[in-house]
Amino acid sequence: MPTLDFSHLSTEQRLDLIGEIWDSIDHNAVPLTAAQEAELDRRLAMLDANPQNGRDAFEALADFRRQFG
């Protein structure tokens, strides 16, 4: 597979391209390992058992951005 040259793109443009490629992937077609499946099942069971302990994803992301810029 030939290497593509992205040196003409700025860092911001490269990150935008990564995002566009990521968004174009059919995430249902990406298989999980047995360990990943088990971890997701464990986390979902924890959430089901203690829904009051969950956090809104947007709130968590805002906290992350405040902490790490």
N, C-alpha and C. Protein backbone atom coordinates (compact mmCIF):
# COMPACT_ATOMS: atom_id res chain seq x y z
N MET A 1 0.85 -1.18 0.00
CA MET A 1 0.00 0.00 0.00
C MET A 1 0.89 1.24 0.00
N PRO A 2 0.66 2.14 -0.94
CA PRO A 2 1.51 3.33 -0.99
C PRO A 2 1.24 4.27 0.18
N THR A 3 2.28 4.94 0.59
CA THR A 3 2.15 5.93 1.65
C THR A 3 1.64 7.22 1.04
N LEU A 4 0.65 7.80 1.69
CA LEU A 4 0.10 9.07 1.21
C LEU A 4 0.83 10.21 1.90
N ASP A 5 1.08 11.26 1.16
CA ASP A 5 1.80 12.41 1.69
C ASP A 5 0.80 13.48 2.10
N PHE A 6 0.71 13.73 3.40
CA PHE A 6 -0.20 14.74 3.92
C PHE A 6 0.55 15.95 4.44
N SER A 7 1.81 16.08 4.06
CA SER A 7 2.64 17.16 4.59
C SER A 7 2.13 18.55 4.18
N HIS A 8 1.34 18.62 3.13
CA HIS A 8 0.80 19.91 2.69
C HIS A 8 -0.39 20.36 3.54
N LEU A 9 -0.90 19.46 4.38
CA LEU A 9 -2.03 19.81 5.24
C LEU A 9 -1.54 20.32 6.59
N SER A 10 -2.27 21.27 7.13
CA SER A 10 -1.94 21.76 8.47
C SER A 10 -2.34 20.70 9.50
N THR A 11 -1.89 20.86 10.71
CA THR A 11 -2.26 19.92 11.78
C THR A 11 -3.77 19.89 11.93
N GLU A 12 -4.40 21.06 11.92
CA GLU A 12 -5.86 21.12 12.07
C GLU A 12 -6.55 20.38 10.93
N GLN A 13 -6.06 20.54 9.71
CA GLN A 13 -6.65 19.85 8.56
C GLN A 13 -6.46 18.34 8.68
N ARG A 14 -5.32 17.91 9.16
CA ARG A 14 -5.08 16.47 9.35
C ARG A 14 -6.02 15.90 10.39
N LEU A 15 -6.21 16.63 11.49
CA LEU A 15 -7.14 16.17 12.53
C LEU A 15 -8.56 16.11 11.99
N ASP A 16 -8.95 17.10 11.18
CA ASP A 16 -10.27 17.07 10.56
C ASP A 16 -10.42 15.84 9.66
N LEU A 17 -9.38 15.53 8.91
CA LEU A 17 -9.40 14.37 8.03
C LEU A 17 -9.55 13.08 8.84
N ILE A 18 -8.81 12.97 9.94
CA ILE A 18 -8.93 11.80 10.82
C ILE A 18 -10.37 11.66 11.28
N GLY A 19 -10.97 12.78 11.69
CA GLY A 19 -12.35 12.75 12.15
C GLY A 19 -13.30 12.30 11.07
N GLU A 20 -13.10 12.79 9.86
CA GLU A 20 -13.97 12.41 8.75
C GLU A 20 -13.83 10.93 8.42
N ILE A 21 -12.59 10.43 8.45
CA ILE A 21 -12.38 9.00 8.19
C ILE A 21 -13.04 8.18 9.29
N TRP A 22 -12.84 8.58 10.55
CA TRP A 22 -13.43 7.85 11.68
C TRP A 22 -14.95 7.81 11.56
N ASP A 23 -15.55 8.94 11.22
CA ASP A 23 -17.01 9.02 11.10
C ASP A 23 -17.53 8.16 9.95
N SER A 24 -16.68 7.88 8.95
CA SER A 24 -17.12 7.10 7.79
C SER A 24 -17.07 5.60 8.04
N ILE A 25 -16.48 5.17 9.15
CA ILE A 25 -16.35 3.74 9.44
C ILE A 25 -17.66 3.19 9.97
N ASP A 26 -18.05 2.02 9.48
CA ASP A 26 -19.22 1.32 10.02
C ASP A 26 -18.77 0.65 11.32
N HIS A 27 -19.05 1.30 12.44
CA HIS A 27 -18.56 0.81 13.73
C HIS A 27 -19.18 -0.52 14.13
N ASN A 28 -20.31 -0.89 13.53
CA ASN A 28 -20.89 -2.20 13.80
C ASN A 28 -20.11 -3.31 13.10
N ALA A 29 -19.29 -2.95 12.13
CA ALA A 29 -18.51 -3.94 11.40
C ALA A 29 -17.14 -4.18 12.04
N VAL A 30 -16.81 -3.42 13.08
CA VAL A 30 -15.52 -3.58 13.75
C VAL A 30 -15.71 -4.56 14.90
N PRO A 31 -15.10 -5.74 14.81
CA PRO A 31 -15.31 -6.74 15.86
C PRO A 31 -14.58 -6.36 17.15
N LEU A 32 -15.19 -6.71 18.28
CA LEU A 32 -14.56 -6.51 19.58
C LEU A 32 -13.90 -7.81 20.01
N THR A 33 -12.85 -7.66 20.80
CA THR A 33 -12.22 -8.85 21.37
C THR A 33 -13.12 -9.36 22.49
N ALA A 34 -12.88 -10.58 22.93
CA ALA A 34 -13.64 -11.14 24.05
C ALA A 34 -13.46 -10.29 25.30
N ALA A 35 -12.26 -9.78 25.51
CA ALA A 35 -11.99 -8.94 26.69
C ALA A 35 -12.77 -7.62 26.61
N GLN A 36 -12.85 -7.03 25.42
CA GLN A 36 -13.60 -5.79 25.25
C GLN A 36 -15.09 -6.03 25.49
N GLU A 37 -15.62 -7.13 24.95
CA GLU A 37 -17.03 -7.48 25.17
C GLU A 37 -17.31 -7.66 26.65
N ALA A 38 -16.40 -8.37 27.35
CA ALA A 38 -16.58 -8.62 28.79
C ALA A 38 -16.55 -7.31 29.56
N GLU A 39 -15.67 -6.40 29.19
CA GLU A 39 -15.57 -5.12 29.90
C GLU A 39 -16.83 -4.29 29.66
N LEU A 40 -17.33 -4.26 28.45
CA LEU A 40 -18.58 -3.53 28.18
C LEU A 40 -19.74 -4.13 28.95
N ASP A 41 -19.82 -5.45 28.98
CA ASP A 41 -20.88 -6.11 29.75
C ASP A 41 -20.78 -5.77 31.23
N ARG A 42 -19.56 -5.75 31.76
CA ARG A 42 -19.34 -5.43 33.17
C ARG A 42 -19.80 -4.00 33.47
N ARG A 43 -19.43 -3.07 32.60
CA ARG A 43 -19.79 -1.67 32.82
C ARG A 43 -21.30 -1.46 32.70
N LEU A 44 -21.93 -2.12 31.74
CA LEU A 44 -23.38 -2.00 31.61
C LEU A 44 -24.09 -2.58 32.82
N ALA A 45 -23.59 -3.69 33.35
CA ALA A 45 -24.18 -4.29 34.55
C ALA A 45 -24.04 -3.34 35.74
N MET A 46 -22.88 -2.68 35.86
CA MET A 46 -22.69 -1.70 36.94
C MET A 46 -23.67 -0.55 36.80
N LEU A 47 -23.88 -0.07 35.59
CA LEU A 47 -24.81 1.03 35.35
C LEU A 47 -26.24 0.60 35.67
N ASP A 48 -26.60 -0.62 35.26
CA ASP A 48 -27.95 -1.12 35.54
C ASP A 48 -28.19 -1.25 37.04
N ALA A 49 -27.16 -1.69 37.77
CA ALA A 49 -27.29 -1.89 39.21
C ALA A 49 -27.29 -0.58 39.98
N ASN A 50 -26.62 0.44 39.45
CA ASN A 50 -26.48 1.73 40.15
C ASN A 50 -26.62 2.90 39.18
N PRO A 51 -27.81 3.11 38.61
CA PRO A 51 -27.96 4.17 37.60
C PRO A 51 -27.68 5.57 38.15
N GLN A 52 -27.80 5.75 39.43
CA GLN A 52 -27.54 7.07 40.02
C GLN A 52 -26.05 7.42 39.97
N ASN A 53 -25.18 6.46 39.76
CA ASN A 53 -23.75 6.71 39.72
C ASN A 53 -23.26 7.13 38.34
N GLY A 54 -24.12 7.04 37.33
CA GLY A 54 -23.72 7.39 35.96
C GLY A 54 -23.61 8.90 35.78
N ARG A 55 -22.87 9.31 34.77
CA ARG A 55 -22.72 10.73 34.44
C ARG A 55 -23.09 10.93 32.98
N ASP A 56 -23.64 12.08 32.71
CA ASP A 56 -23.93 12.46 31.34
C ASP A 56 -22.61 12.62 30.59
N ALA A 57 -22.54 12.10 29.38
CA ALA A 57 -21.30 12.15 28.61
C ALA A 57 -20.86 13.58 28.33
N PHE A 58 -21.80 14.47 28.08
CA PHE A 58 -21.44 15.85 27.79
C PHE A 58 -20.88 16.54 29.03
N GLU A 59 -21.43 16.22 30.19
CA GLU A 59 -20.91 16.77 31.44
C GLU A 59 -19.49 16.27 31.70
N ALA A 60 -19.28 14.98 31.50
CA ALA A 60 -17.95 14.40 31.70
C ALA A 60 -16.94 15.02 30.73
N LEU A 61 -17.34 15.20 29.49
CA LEU A 61 -16.45 15.80 28.49
C LEU A 61 -16.13 17.25 28.84
N ALA A 62 -17.11 17.99 29.31
CA ALA A 62 -16.87 19.38 29.73
C ALA A 62 -15.87 19.43 30.89
N ASP A 63 -16.02 18.52 31.85
CA ASP A 63 -15.07 18.45 32.97
C ASP A 63 -13.67 18.13 32.46
N PHE A 64 -13.58 17.20 31.53
CA PHE A 64 -12.29 16.82 30.96
C PHE A 64 -11.64 18.02 30.27
N ARG A 65 -12.43 18.75 29.51
CA ARG A 65 -11.88 19.91 28.79
C ARG A 65 -11.43 21.00 29.75
N ARG A 66 -12.19 21.20 30.84
CA ARG A 66 -11.78 22.19 31.84
C ARG A 66 -10.46 21.79 32.49
N GLN A 67 -10.33 20.51 32.75
CA GLN A 67 -9.13 20.02 33.45
C GLN A 67 -7.91 19.98 32.53
N PHE A 68 -8.10 19.57 31.29
CA PHE A 68 -6.94 19.34 30.41
C PHE A 68 -6.85 20.30 29.23
N GLY A 69 -7.79 21.23 29.16
CA GLY A 69 -7.74 22.26 28.11
C GLY A 69 -8.09 21.74 26.79
